[in-house]
Amino acid sequence: MSRVINDDYPGQPPMSDADLKQMVLNNHVNTGTPDEFTKGESLNVPTETIPLPSKGRFYPEGHPLKSGTIEMKYMTAKEEDILASQNLIKQGVVIDKLLQSLIVTRINYNDLLTIDKNAIFIAARILAYGPEYTVEITCPSCGEKSKHTIDLQQFAEKAVDWSNFTEGEIYHKFALPVAKNELTLKMLTHGDEKKIEEASKAYKKAAKTIGVDRELTTRLKHVIVAVDGNEDKMHISKFVDNMFSRDSLALRTHLKHVTPDIETTFNYECPACGYEMANMQLPIDVGFFWPGV
């Protein structure tokens, strides 16, 4: 991140397994409508201004995130109640409820771009327990397990060619190298990710019968909003299902290259065999937000 987050603020002590039980959340968790807003309330808790990978460029004029930053508060025992909620964990919404509680800037959470949500996720962990994250990693070479402490503040924003995008718009164009079709692509929001998750769940049930997981095509059908100007969803769905594999690979490579994000890779060295990996992806385990559990 371009801004160093204060790590002197005292974190909460690790919870015991006995503490991980259902707690009353009615005072601070809105269980939700699709258009739920973050509270944006005035707080006595210290806050930090977090830079966003999008730089605010994809939000329209007047949007609270147009400045390219978001204000977040430090985690308190109130947020640890959220993390301890077995009900929210089972629903798979515990992290989103946590982030909604930590975000001070008043926004529609469904409109938050996924690329910015990733940065907020890392920032939330730093504000909660500091930048040092200890995780157990299995060596890809020898299979030996060892603990490594990773500095979460080392991660920087990815270099992006902003000429690919138009200020204030979440859409951009891409021409397929083989079929030559012009695609209109969009930056996904949290709301889009929820739709993808719901569709993926339905397909996974069908996958038990047909043996095919459609997660890849499901995501592409949400990223692509038009094919040669045709915005019909059925047309896009059929087009994705029949896309040449070379075009699919080119599209995914393009999205990875142009999409703003936080580079969450680090240099790994196995203490047992000396194996090195220059760009290992940050592993996320239960200790990320539940240290000591």
C-alpha atoms as a PDB file:
ATOM      1  CA  MET A   1       0.000   0.000   0.000  1.00  0.00           C
ATOM      2  CA  SER A   2       1.144   3.489  -0.660  1.00  0.00           C
ATOM      3  CA  ARG A   3       0.237   4.570   2.862  1.00  0.00           C
ATOM      4  CA  VAL A   4       1.752   3.012   5.966  1.00  0.00           C
ATOM      5  CA  ILE A   5      -0.988   2.051   8.371  1.00  0.00           C
ATOM      6  CA  ASN A   6      -0.327   2.725  12.023  1.00  0.00           C
ATOM      7  CA  ASP A   7       0.439  -0.599  13.694  1.00  0.00           C
ATOM      8  CA  ASP A   8       0.874   0.787  17.198  1.00  0.00           C
ATOM      9  CA  TYR A   9      -2.841   0.662  17.948  1.00  0.00           C
ATOM     10  CA  PRO A  10      -3.320  -2.249  20.353  1.00  0.00           C
ATOM     11  CA  GLY A  11      -5.046  -5.271  18.796  1.00  0.00           C
ATOM     12  CA  GLN A  12      -7.517  -7.487  20.584  1.00  0.00           C
ATOM     13  CA  PRO A  13      -6.167 -10.604  22.366  1.00  0.00           C
ATOM     14  CA  PRO A  14      -6.567 -13.906  20.511  1.00  0.00           C
ATOM     15  CA  MET A  15      -9.864 -15.672  21.123  1.00  0.00           C
ATOM     16  CA  SER A  16     -10.056 -19.169  22.546  1.00  0.00           C
ATOM     17  CA  ASP A  17     -12.069 -21.863  20.789  1.00  0.00           C
ATOM     18  CA  ALA A  18     -14.704 -21.479  23.502  1.00  0.00           C
ATOM     19  CA  ASP A  19     -15.171 -17.846  22.487  1.00  0.00           C
ATOM     20  CA  LEU A  20     -16.104 -18.818  18.946  1.00  0.00           C
ATOM     21  CA  LYS A  21     -19.815 -19.083  19.553  1.00  0.00           C
ATOM     22  CA  GLN A  22     -22.935 -17.319  18.434  1.00  0.00           C
ATOM     23  CA  MET A  23     -23.147 -13.784  19.784  1.00  0.00           C
ATOM     24  CA  VAL A  24     -25.869 -11.168  19.670  1.00  0.00           C
ATOM     25  CA  LEU A  25     -25.219  -8.894  16.667  1.00  0.00           C
ATOM     26  CA  ASN A  26     -28.458  -6.923  16.434  1.00  0.00           C
ATOM     27  CA  ASN A  27     -26.889  -3.709  17.727  1.00  0.00           C
ATOM     28  CA  HIS A  28     -24.368  -3.416  14.933  1.00  0.00           C
ATOM     29  CA  VAL A  29     -25.067  -5.818  12.041  1.00  0.00           C
ATOM     30  CA  ASN A  30     -27.649  -5.107   9.369  1.00  0.00           C
ATOM     31  CA  THR A  31     -28.511  -8.582   8.082  1.00  0.00           C
ATOM     32  CA  GLY A  32     -29.212  -6.980   4.922  1.00  0.00           C
ATOM     33  CA  THR A  33     -30.971  -5.714   1.916  1.00  0.00           C
ATOM     34  CA  PRO A  34     -29.345  -5.940  -1.534  1.00  0.00           C
ATOM     35  CA  ASP A  35     -28.710  -2.174  -1.452  1.00  0.00           C
ATOM     36  CA  GLU A  36     -27.266  -2.011   2.038  1.00  0.00           C
ATOM     37  CA  PHE A  37     -25.181   1.053   2.786  1.00  0.00           C
ATOM     38  CA  THR A  38     -22.258   1.253   5.155  1.00  0.00           C
ATOM     39  CA  LYS A  39     -23.089   3.328   8.199  1.00  0.00           C
ATOM     40  CA  GLY A  40     -20.771   6.273   7.654  1.00  0.00           C
ATOM     41  CA  GLU A  41     -21.230   7.202  11.278  1.00  0.00           C
ATOM     42  CA  SER A  42     -19.147   9.584  13.400  1.00  0.00           C
ATOM     43  CA  LEU A  43     -16.854   7.543  15.616  1.00  0.00           C
ATOM     44  CA  ASN A  44     -14.607   7.937  18.615  1.00  0.00           C
ATOM     45  CA  VAL A  45     -12.457   5.056  17.341  1.00  0.00           C
ATOM     46  CA  PRO A  46      -9.286   6.022  15.389  1.00  0.00           C
ATOM     47  CA  THR A  47      -9.589   5.791  11.609  1.00  0.00           C
ATOM     48  CA  GLU A  48      -7.215   5.564   8.647  1.00  0.00           C
ATOM     49  CA  THR A  49      -7.513   6.719   5.049  1.00  0.00           C
ATOM     50  CA  ILE A  50      -6.846   3.752   2.749  1.00  0.00           C
ATOM     51  CA  PRO A  51      -5.778   4.228  -0.914  1.00  0.00           C
ATOM     52  CA  LEU A  52      -7.771   2.249  -3.469  1.00  0.00           C
ATOM     53  CA  PRO A  53      -6.238   0.406  -6.471  1.00  0.00           C
ATOM     54  CA  SER A  54      -8.913   1.916  -8.732  1.00  0.00           C
ATOM     55  CA  LYS A  55      -7.688   5.438  -7.842  1.00  0.00           C
ATOM     56  CA  GLY A  56     -11.390   6.297  -7.945  1.00  0.00           C
ATOM     57  CA  ARG A  57     -11.233   6.408 -11.761  1.00  0.00           C
ATOM     58  CA  PHE A  58     -14.110   3.976 -12.335  1.00  0.00           C
ATOM     59  CA  TYR A  59     -16.572   5.732 -10.035  1.00  0.00           C
ATOM     60  CA  PRO A  60     -18.792   8.537 -11.388  1.00  0.00           C
ATOM     61  CA  GLU A  61     -18.428  12.171 -10.378  1.00  0.00           C
ATOM     62  CA  GLY A  62     -19.854  12.784  -6.925  1.00  0.00           C
ATOM     63  CA  HIS A  63     -19.313   9.212  -5.743  1.00  0.00           C
ATOM     64  CA  PRO A  64     -17.797   8.975  -2.222  1.00  0.00           C
ATOM     65  CA  LEU A  65     -14.903   6.894  -3.590  1.00  0.00           C
ATOM     66  CA  LYS A  66     -14.101   9.182  -6.514  1.00  0.00           C
ATOM     67  CA  SER A  67     -11.190  10.575  -4.470  1.00  0.00           C
ATOM     68  CA  GLY A  68      -9.474   7.184  -4.704  1.00  0.00           C
ATOM     69  CA  THR A  69      -9.492   6.624  -0.954  1.00  0.00           C
ATOM     70  CA  ILE A  70     -11.795   5.153   1.683  1.00  0.00           C
ATOM     71  CA  GLU A  71     -11.919   5.793   5.435  1.00  0.00           C
ATOM     72  CA  MET A  72     -11.847   2.768   7.738  1.00  0.00           C
ATOM     73  CA  LYS A  73     -11.848   2.445  11.500  1.00  0.00           C
ATOM     74  CA  TYR A  74      -9.732   0.195  13.679  1.00  0.00           C
ATOM     75  CA  MET A  75     -11.314  -3.066  14.742  1.00  0.00           C
ATOM     76  CA  THR A  76     -12.915  -3.172  18.179  1.00  0.00           C
ATOM     77  CA  ALA A  77     -14.525  -5.889  20.282  1.00  0.00           C
ATOM     78  CA  LYS A  78     -17.726  -5.059  18.424  1.00  0.00           C
ATOM     79  CA  GLU A  79     -16.187  -6.370  15.196  1.00  0.00           C
ATOM     80  CA  GLU A  80     -14.774  -9.407  16.989  1.00  0.00           C
ATOM     81  CA  ASP A  81     -18.382 -10.284  17.800  1.00  0.00           C
ATOM     82  CA  ILE A  82     -18.988 -10.371  14.059  1.00  0.00           C
ATOM     83  CA  LEU A  83     -15.977 -12.619  13.466  1.00  0.00           C
ATOM     84  CA  ALA A  84     -17.171 -14.922  16.250  1.00  0.00           C
ATOM     85  CA  SER A  85     -20.640 -15.361  14.773  1.00  0.00           C
ATOM     86  CA  GLN A  86     -21.043 -18.991  13.736  1.00  0.00           C
ATOM     87  CA  ASN A  87     -24.241 -18.024  11.938  1.00  0.00           C
ATOM     88  CA  LEU A  88     -22.464 -15.486   9.700  1.00  0.00           C
ATOM     89  CA  ILE A  89     -19.594 -17.928   9.132  1.00  0.00           C
ATOM     90  CA  LYS A  90     -21.991 -20.654   7.984  1.00  0.00           C
ATOM     91  CA  GLN A  91     -23.743 -18.193   5.670  1.00  0.00           C
ATOM     92  CA  GLY A  92     -20.384 -17.238   4.149  1.00  0.00           C
ATOM     93  CA  VAL A  93     -20.963 -13.514   4.770  1.00  0.00           C
ATOM     94  CA  VAL A  94     -18.819 -12.930   7.861  1.00  0.00           C
ATOM     95  CA  ILE A  95     -16.032 -11.043   6.039  1.00  0.00           C
ATOM     96  CA  ASP A  96     -18.482  -8.801   4.201  1.00  0.00           C
ATOM     97  CA  LYS A  97     -20.283  -7.979   7.460  1.00  0.00           C
ATOM     98  CA  LEU A  98     -16.903  -7.213   9.021  1.00  0.00           C
ATOM     99  CA  LEU A  99     -15.855  -4.867   6.206  1.00  0.00           C
ATOM    100  CA  GLN A 100     -19.231  -3.115   6.245  1.00  0.00           C
ATOM    101  CA  SER A 101     -18.772  -2.450   9.949  1.00  0.00           C
ATOM    102  CA  LEU A 102     -15.208  -1.153   9.501  1.00  0.00           C
ATOM    103  CA  ILE A 103     -15.877   1.162   6.545  1.00  0.00           C
ATOM    104  CA  VAL A 104     -16.625   4.690   7.749  1.00  0.00           C
ATOM    105  CA  THR A 105     -17.202   6.247   4.316  1.00  0.00           C
ATOM    106  CA  ARG A 106     -20.896   5.981   3.505  1.00  0.00           C
ATOM    107  CA  ILE A 107     -21.218   3.877   0.342  1.00  0.00           C
ATOM    108  CA  ASN A 108     -23.503   1.330  -1.237  1.00  0.00           C
ATOM    109  CA  TYR A 109     -21.491  -1.816  -0.468  1.00  0.00           C
ATOM    110  CA  ASN A 110     -22.855  -3.593  -3.552  1.00  0.00           C
ATOM    111  CA  ASP A 111     -21.296  -0.881  -5.757  1.00  0.00           C
ATOM    112  CA  LEU A 112     -17.827  -1.410  -4.276  1.00  0.00           C
ATOM    113  CA  LEU A 113     -15.490  -2.657  -7.006  1.00  0.00           C
ATOM    114  CA  THR A 114     -13.947  -6.077  -6.358  1.00  0.00           C
ATOM    115  CA  ILE A 115     -10.492  -4.669  -7.065  1.00  0.00           C
ATOM    116  CA  ASP A 116     -10.962  -2.147  -4.238  1.00  0.00           C
ATOM    117  CA  LYS A 117     -12.541  -4.694  -1.918  1.00  0.00           C
ATOM    118  CA  ASN A 118      -9.346  -6.774  -2.110  1.00  0.00           C
ATOM    119  CA  ALA A 119      -7.285  -3.835  -0.840  1.00  0.00           C
ATOM    120  CA  ILE A 120      -9.826  -3.102   1.902  1.00  0.00           C
ATOM    121  CA  PHE A 121      -9.633  -6.746   2.971  1.00  0.00           C
ATOM    122  CA  ILE A 122      -5.852  -6.499   3.487  1.00  0.00           C
ATOM    123  CA  ALA A 123      -6.173  -3.113   5.200  1.00  0.00           C
ATOM    124  CA  ALA A 124      -8.798  -4.485   7.598  1.00  0.00           C
ATOM    125  CA  ARG A 125      -6.411  -7.222   8.739  1.00  0.00           C
ATOM    126  CA  ILE A 126      -3.614  -4.690   9.320  1.00  0.00           C
ATOM    127  CA  LEU A 127      -5.893  -2.363  11.274  1.00  0.00           C
ATOM    128  CA  ALA A 128      -7.124  -5.296  13.350  1.00  0.00           C
ATOM    129  CA  TYR A 129      -3.961  -7.165  14.303  1.00  0.00           C
ATOM    130  CA  GLY A 130      -1.024  -5.327  12.732  1.00  0.00           C
ATOM    131  CA  PRO A 131       0.939  -5.981   9.533  1.00  0.00           C
ATOM    132  CA  GLU A 132       2.648  -9.222  10.615  1.00  0.00           C
ATOM    133  CA  TYR A 133       0.813 -12.328   9.469  1.00  0.00           C
ATOM    134  CA  THR A 134       2.172 -15.756  10.446  1.00  0.00           C
ATOM    135  CA  VAL A 135       1.076 -18.668   8.293  1.00  0.00           C
ATOM    136  CA  GLU A 136       2.131 -22.301   7.830  1.00  0.00           C
ATOM    137  CA  ILE A 137       3.309 -23.081   4.292  1.00  0.00           C
ATOM    138  CA  THR A 138       3.943 -26.493   2.748  1.00  0.00           C
ATOM    139  CA  CYS A 139       7.047 -26.458   0.531  1.00  0.00           C
ATOM    140  CA  PRO A 140       6.099 -27.268  -3.102  1.00  0.00           C
ATOM    141  CA  SER A 141       9.415 -29.094  -3.493  1.00  0.00           C
ATOM    142  CA  CYS A 142      10.008 -31.229  -0.386  1.00  0.00           C
ATOM    143  CA  GLY A 143       6.587 -31.095   1.278  1.00  0.00           C
ATOM    144  CA  GLU A 144       7.998 -29.842   4.577  1.00  0.00           C
ATOM    145  CA  LYS A 145       5.691 -27.545   6.570  1.00  0.00           C
ATOM    146  CA  SER A 146       7.133 -24.402   8.135  1.00  0.00           C
ATOM    147  CA  LYS A 147       5.823 -21.159   9.621  1.00  0.00           C
ATOM    148  CA  HIS A 148       6.520 -17.860   7.879  1.00  0.00           C
ATOM    149  CA  THR A 149       5.774 -14.314   9.008  1.00  0.00           C
ATOM    150  CA  ILE A 150       4.694 -12.058   6.146  1.00  0.00           C
ATOM    151  CA  ASP A 151       4.648  -8.266   6.288  1.00  0.00           C
ATOM    152  CA  LEU A 152       1.292  -7.293   4.788  1.00  0.00           C
ATOM    153  CA  GLN A 153       2.476  -3.702   4.296  1.00  0.00           C
ATOM    154  CA  GLN A 154       4.996  -4.812   1.676  1.00  0.00           C
ATOM    155  CA  PHE A 155       2.281  -5.313  -0.933  1.00  0.00           C
ATOM    156  CA  ALA A 156       2.112  -2.538  -3.512  1.00  0.00           C
ATOM    157  CA  GLU A 157      -0.448  -1.578  -6.118  1.00  0.00           C
ATOM    158  CA  LYS A 158       0.012  -3.196  -9.529  1.00  0.00           C
ATOM    159  CA  ALA A 159       1.293  -0.968 -12.322  1.00  0.00           C
ATOM    160  CA  VAL A 160      -1.597  -0.262 -14.706  1.00  0.00           C
ATOM    161  CA  ASP A 161      -1.872   1.334 -18.140  1.00  0.00           C
ATOM    162  CA  TRP A 162      -4.771   3.697 -17.474  1.00  0.00           C
ATOM    163  CA  SER A 163      -5.101   4.536 -21.180  1.00  0.00           C
ATOM    164  CA  ASN A 164      -7.163   1.343 -21.530  1.00  0.00           C
ATOM    165  CA  PHE A 165      -9.977   2.979 -19.578  1.00  0.00           C
ATOM    166  CA  THR A 166     -12.251   6.025 -19.729  1.00  0.00           C
ATOM    167  CA  GLU A 167     -12.511   8.168 -16.607  1.00  0.00           C
ATOM    168  CA  GLY A 168     -15.705   7.475 -14.682  1.00  0.00           C
ATOM    169  CA  GLU A 169     -16.625   4.302 -16.588  1.00  0.00           C
ATOM    170  CA  ILE A 170     -16.351   0.651 -15.540  1.00  0.00           C
ATOM    171  CA  TYR A 171     -16.397  -0.566 -19.165  1.00  0.00           C
ATOM    172  CA  HIS A 172     -13.657  -1.039 -21.744  1.00  0.00           C
ATOM    173  CA  LYS A 173     -13.227  -2.808 -25.103  1.00  0.00           C
ATOM    174  CA  PHE A 174     -11.209  -5.863 -26.100  1.00  0.00           C
ATOM    175  CA  ALA A 175     -10.909  -7.519 -29.531  1.00  0.00           C
ATOM    176  CA  LEU A 176     -10.517 -11.302 -29.567  1.00  0.00           C
ATOM    177  CA  PRO A 177      -7.371 -12.325 -31.485  1.00  0.00           C
ATOM    178  CA  VAL A 178      -8.908 -15.329 -33.298  1.00  0.00           C
ATOM    179  CA  ALA A 179     -12.648 -14.705 -33.722  1.00  0.00           C
ATOM    180  CA  LYS A 180     -12.071 -10.927 -34.017  1.00  0.00           C
ATOM    181  CA  ASN A 181     -15.258 -10.084 -32.109  1.00  0.00           C
ATOM    182  CA  GLU A 182     -15.191  -6.855 -30.101  1.00  0.00           C
ATOM    183  CA  LEU A 183     -16.160  -7.417 -26.487  1.00  0.00           C
ATOM    184  CA  THR A 184     -17.356  -4.825 -24.017  1.00  0.00           C
ATOM    185  CA  LEU A 185     -16.015  -5.756 -20.576  1.00  0.00           C
ATOM    186  CA  LYS A 186     -16.858  -4.402 -17.135  1.00  0.00           C
ATOM    187  CA  MET A 187     -15.121  -4.125 -13.792  1.00  0.00           C
ATOM    188  CA  LEU A 188     -16.990  -6.375 -11.371  1.00  0.00           C
ATOM    189  CA  THR A 189     -18.567  -5.068  -8.190  1.00  0.00           C
ATOM    190  CA  HIS A 190     -19.443  -6.822  -4.949  1.00  0.00           C
ATOM    191  CA  GLY A 191     -23.002  -7.038  -6.259  1.00  0.00           C
ATOM    192  CA  ASP A 192     -21.757  -8.820  -9.393  1.00  0.00           C
ATOM    193  CA  GLU A 193     -19.714 -11.238  -7.293  1.00  0.00           C
ATOM    194  CA  LYS A 194     -22.829 -12.180  -5.320  1.00  0.00           C
ATOM    195  CA  LYS A 195     -24.669 -12.982  -8.571  1.00  0.00           C
ATOM    196  CA  ILE A 196     -21.718 -15.082  -9.777  1.00  0.00           C
ATOM    197  CA  GLU A 197     -21.643 -16.949  -6.475  1.00  0.00           C
ATOM    198  CA  GLU A 198     -25.367 -17.695  -6.651  1.00  0.00           C
ATOM    199  CA  ALA A 199     -25.089 -18.936 -10.246  1.00  0.00           C
ATOM    200  CA  SER A 200     -22.011 -21.016  -9.401  1.00  0.00           C
ATOM    201  CA  LYS A 201     -23.843 -22.714  -6.540  1.00  0.00           C
ATOM    202  CA  ALA A 202     -26.628 -23.752  -8.915  1.00  0.00           C
ATOM    203  CA  TYR A 203     -24.128 -25.068 -11.455  1.00  0.00           C
ATOM    204  CA  LYS A 204     -22.214 -26.977  -8.797  1.00  0.00           C
ATOM    205  CA  LYS A 205     -25.345 -28.885  -7.910  1.00  0.00           C
ATOM    206  CA  ALA A 206     -25.709 -29.816 -11.567  1.00  0.00           C
ATOM    207  CA  ALA A 207     -21.988 -30.670 -11.738  1.00  0.00           C
ATOM    208  CA  LYS A 208     -22.613 -33.600  -9.412  1.00  0.00           C
ATOM    209  CA  THR A 209     -24.688 -35.097 -12.212  1.00  0.00           C
ATOM    210  CA  ILE A 210     -22.856 -33.984 -15.356  1.00  0.00           C
ATOM    211  CA  GLY A 211     -19.373 -33.774 -13.825  1.00  0.00           C
ATOM    212  CA  VAL A 212     -18.576 -30.304 -15.239  1.00  0.00           C
ATOM    213  CA  ASP A 213     -17.846 -27.209 -13.140  1.00  0.00           C
ATOM    214  CA  ARG A 214     -18.907 -24.035 -15.001  1.00  0.00           C
ATOM    215  CA  GLU A 215     -17.218 -21.478 -12.761  1.00  0.00           C
ATOM    216  CA  LEU A 216     -14.963 -20.152 -15.548  1.00  0.00           C
ATOM    217  CA  THR A 217     -17.731 -19.531 -18.085  1.00  0.00           C
ATOM    218  CA  THR A 218     -20.069 -18.198 -15.405  1.00  0.00           C
ATOM    219  CA  ARG A 219     -17.555 -15.489 -14.511  1.00  0.00           C
ATOM    220  CA  LEU A 220     -16.897 -14.576 -18.134  1.00  0.00           C
ATOM    221  CA  LYS A 221     -20.649 -14.219 -18.762  1.00  0.00           C
ATOM    222  CA  HIS A 222     -20.729 -11.520 -16.075  1.00  0.00           C
ATOM    223  CA  VAL A 223     -17.525  -9.780 -17.194  1.00  0.00           C
ATOM    224  CA  ILE A 224     -18.732  -9.551 -20.824  1.00  0.00           C
ATOM    225  CA  VAL A 225     -21.645  -7.131 -21.191  1.00  0.00           C
ATOM    226  CA  ALA A 226     -21.750  -6.949 -25.006  1.00  0.00           C
ATOM    227  CA  VAL A 227     -20.457  -8.845 -28.048  1.00  0.00           C
ATOM    228  CA  ASP A 228     -20.068  -6.603 -31.097  1.00  0.00           C
ATOM    229  CA  GLY A 229     -22.507  -4.229 -29.413  1.00  0.00           C
ATOM    230  CA  ASN A 230     -25.131  -6.923 -28.731  1.00  0.00           C
ATOM    231  CA  GLU A 231     -26.072  -6.777 -25.034  1.00  0.00           C
ATOM    232  CA  ASP A 232     -28.584  -9.656 -25.080  1.00  0.00           C
ATOM    233  CA  LYS A 233     -27.708 -11.976 -22.181  1.00  0.00           C
ATOM    234  CA  MET A 234     -28.717 -15.152 -24.025  1.00  0.00           C
ATOM    235  CA  HIS A 235     -26.500 -14.159 -26.952  1.00  0.00           C
ATOM    236  CA  ILE A 236     -23.570 -13.496 -24.604  1.00  0.00           C
ATOM    237  CA  SER A 237     -24.139 -16.811 -22.805  1.00  0.00           C
ATOM    238  CA  LYS A 238     -24.099 -18.825 -26.051  1.00  0.00           C
ATOM    239  CA  PHE A 239     -21.095 -16.862 -27.282  1.00  0.00           C
ATOM    240  CA  VAL A 240     -19.066 -17.631 -24.137  1.00  0.00           C
ATOM    241  CA  ASP A 241     -19.989 -21.330 -24.257  1.00  0.00           C
ATOM    242  CA  ASN A 242     -18.666 -21.533 -27.821  1.00  0.00           C
ATOM    243  CA  MET A 243     -15.660 -19.235 -27.473  1.00  0.00           C
ATOM    244  CA  PHE A 244     -12.400 -20.598 -28.894  1.00  0.00           C
ATOM    245  CA  SER A 245     -10.040 -21.707 -26.135  1.00  0.00           C
ATOM    246  CA  ARG A 246      -7.315 -19.437 -27.566  1.00  0.00           C
ATOM    247  CA  ASP A 247      -9.658 -16.464 -27.321  1.00  0.00           C
ATOM    248  CA  SER A 248     -10.705 -17.456 -23.791  1.00  0.00           C
ATOM    249  CA  LEU A 249      -7.078 -17.610 -22.718  1.00  0.00           C
ATOM    250  CA  ALA A 250      -6.301 -14.277 -24.399  1.00  0.00           C
ATOM    251  CA  LEU A 251      -9.274 -12.661 -22.660  1.00  0.00           C
ATOM    252  CA  ARG A 252      -8.292 -13.966 -19.226  1.00  0.00           C
ATOM    253  CA  THR A 253      -4.684 -12.902 -19.779  1.00  0.00           C
ATOM    254  CA  HIS A 254      -5.867  -9.437 -20.830  1.00  0.00           C
ATOM    255  CA  LEU A 255      -8.054  -9.052 -17.742  1.00  0.00           C
ATOM    256  CA  LYS A 256      -5.222 -10.114 -15.456  1.00  0.00           C
ATOM    257  CA  HIS A 257      -2.858  -7.651 -17.133  1.00  0.00           C
ATOM    258  CA  VAL A 258      -5.077  -4.543 -17.189  1.00  0.00           C
ATOM    259  CA  THR A 259      -7.074  -4.905 -13.975  1.00  0.00           C
ATOM    260  CA  PRO A 260      -5.840  -2.715 -11.082  1.00  0.00           C
ATOM    261  CA  ASP A 261      -5.152  -4.664  -7.913  1.00  0.00           C
ATOM    262  CA  ILE A 262      -2.793  -5.208  -4.996  1.00  0.00           C
ATOM    263  CA  GLU A 263       0.197  -7.453  -5.771  1.00  0.00           C
ATOM    264  CA  THR A 264      -0.135 -10.005  -2.967  1.00  0.00           C
ATOM    265  CA  THR A 265       2.928 -12.099  -3.788  1.00  0.00           C
ATOM    266  CA  PHE A 266       6.070 -12.549  -1.707  1.00  0.00           C
ATOM    267  CA  ASN A 267       9.464 -14.247  -1.819  1.00  0.00           C
ATOM    268  CA  TYR A 268       9.383 -17.722  -0.283  1.00  0.00           C
ATOM    269  CA  GLU A 269      12.339 -19.868   0.785  1.00  0.00           C
ATOM    270  CA  CYS A 270      11.961 -23.287   2.377  1.00  0.00           C
ATOM    271  CA  PRO A 271      14.114 -23.564   5.535  1.00  0.00           C
ATOM    272  CA  ALA A 272      14.357 -27.331   5.079  1.00  0.00           C
ATOM    273  CA  CYS A 273      15.521 -27.754   1.465  1.00  0.00           C
ATOM    274  CA  GLY A 274      16.326 -24.197   0.366  1.00  0.00           C
ATOM    275  CA  TYR A 275      13.710 -24.186  -2.402  1.00  0.00           C
ATOM    276  CA  GLU A 276      12.890 -20.619  -3.497  1.00  0.00           C
ATOM    277  CA  MET A 277       9.849 -19.100  -5.161  1.00  0.00           C
ATOM    278  CA  ALA A 278       9.970 -15.438  -6.102  1.00  0.00           C
ATOM    279  CA  ASN A 279       6.243 -14.833  -6.526  1.00  0.00           C
ATOM    280  CA  MET A 280       4.319 -17.058  -4.169  1.00  0.00           C
ATOM    281  CA  GLN A 281       0.688 -15.988  -3.767  1.00  0.00           C
ATOM    282  CA  LEU A 282      -0.293 -14.872  -0.278  1.00  0.00           C
ATOM    283  CA  PRO A 283      -1.931 -17.865   1.436  1.00  0.00           C
ATOM    284  CA  ILE A 284      -5.062 -17.010   3.409  1.00  0.00           C
ATOM    285  CA  ASP A 285      -5.939 -19.370   6.252  1.00  0.00           C
ATOM    286  CA  VAL A 286      -8.063 -19.187   9.390  1.00  0.00           C
ATOM    287  CA  GLY A 287      -5.310 -17.256  11.172  1.00  0.00           C
ATOM    288  CA  PHE A 288      -5.750 -14.242   8.888  1.00  0.00           C
ATOM    289  CA  PHE A 289      -8.702 -12.875  10.862  1.00  0.00           C
ATOM    290  CA  TRP A 290      -8.748 -15.457  13.655  1.00  0.00           C
ATOM    291  CA  PRO A 291      -5.139 -15.459  14.928  1.00  0.00           C
ATOM    292  CA  GLY A 292      -4.481 -17.990  17.658  1.00  0.00           C
ATOM    293  CA  VAL A 293      -7.534 -20.098  16.778  1.00  0.00           C
END
